Amino acid sequence: KKPLLINDLKSIVHVIDNDKNEKRKAKNRALILIGFAGGFRRSELVAILFEDIDFVPEGVKIFIKRSKTDQSGEGMTKGIPYFSNSDYCPVISLKNWLEKSEIKSGKIFDMSDKSVALTIKKYTAIAGLDSNKYSGHSLRSGFATSAAELGAEERSIMAMTGHKTSQMV
């Protein structure tokens, strides 16, 4: 499947912003922007607990308890900074979602990993993209591709995504 690149991501956010349901808009905005900015797998994204989030002056730290490449369950922390453009800032979107949802514990996105993929397909279609070419993995691969295109070093991308080998990145 294709990676969701920055311009596609912006198109999707604009589509989400047209949603009249403020709560759904806040959730989907946070889901898409956090998923992209953190290079999350779908399963990691839907497993984030309120208790695993730590807002810091630079942005947010999200502790991932377990992932596909961390079978021993050591976990890892992903740091997501504030973006200079607040329109696309994942940290601001996450704060907004938590405020609107009034979530104070447990899962912040009460949905399945399949629902993440369906959400991406829905918004790519509305944005005029070929939704058959995108999946839940498009956020993660979009982060890695965009970071590489902007000159990030492979090891920095791997540190964020949790990839163990450069071939997988």
Foldseek 3Di string as FASTA:
>chain_A
DAACADVLLVLLLVVLVVDPPQLSSLLLLLLLLVCQQLLEQLQQQQQFKLVQWDQDPFAIKGWRQDDPLRVVRPIDIADGGADPPNSNGNRVSLVSNCVVVVDDTTGSRNDHSQVLFVSQLVSSVVSVHNSVVDGSSNSNVNNVVNCVVVPHDLVVNCNRNVDPDSVVD
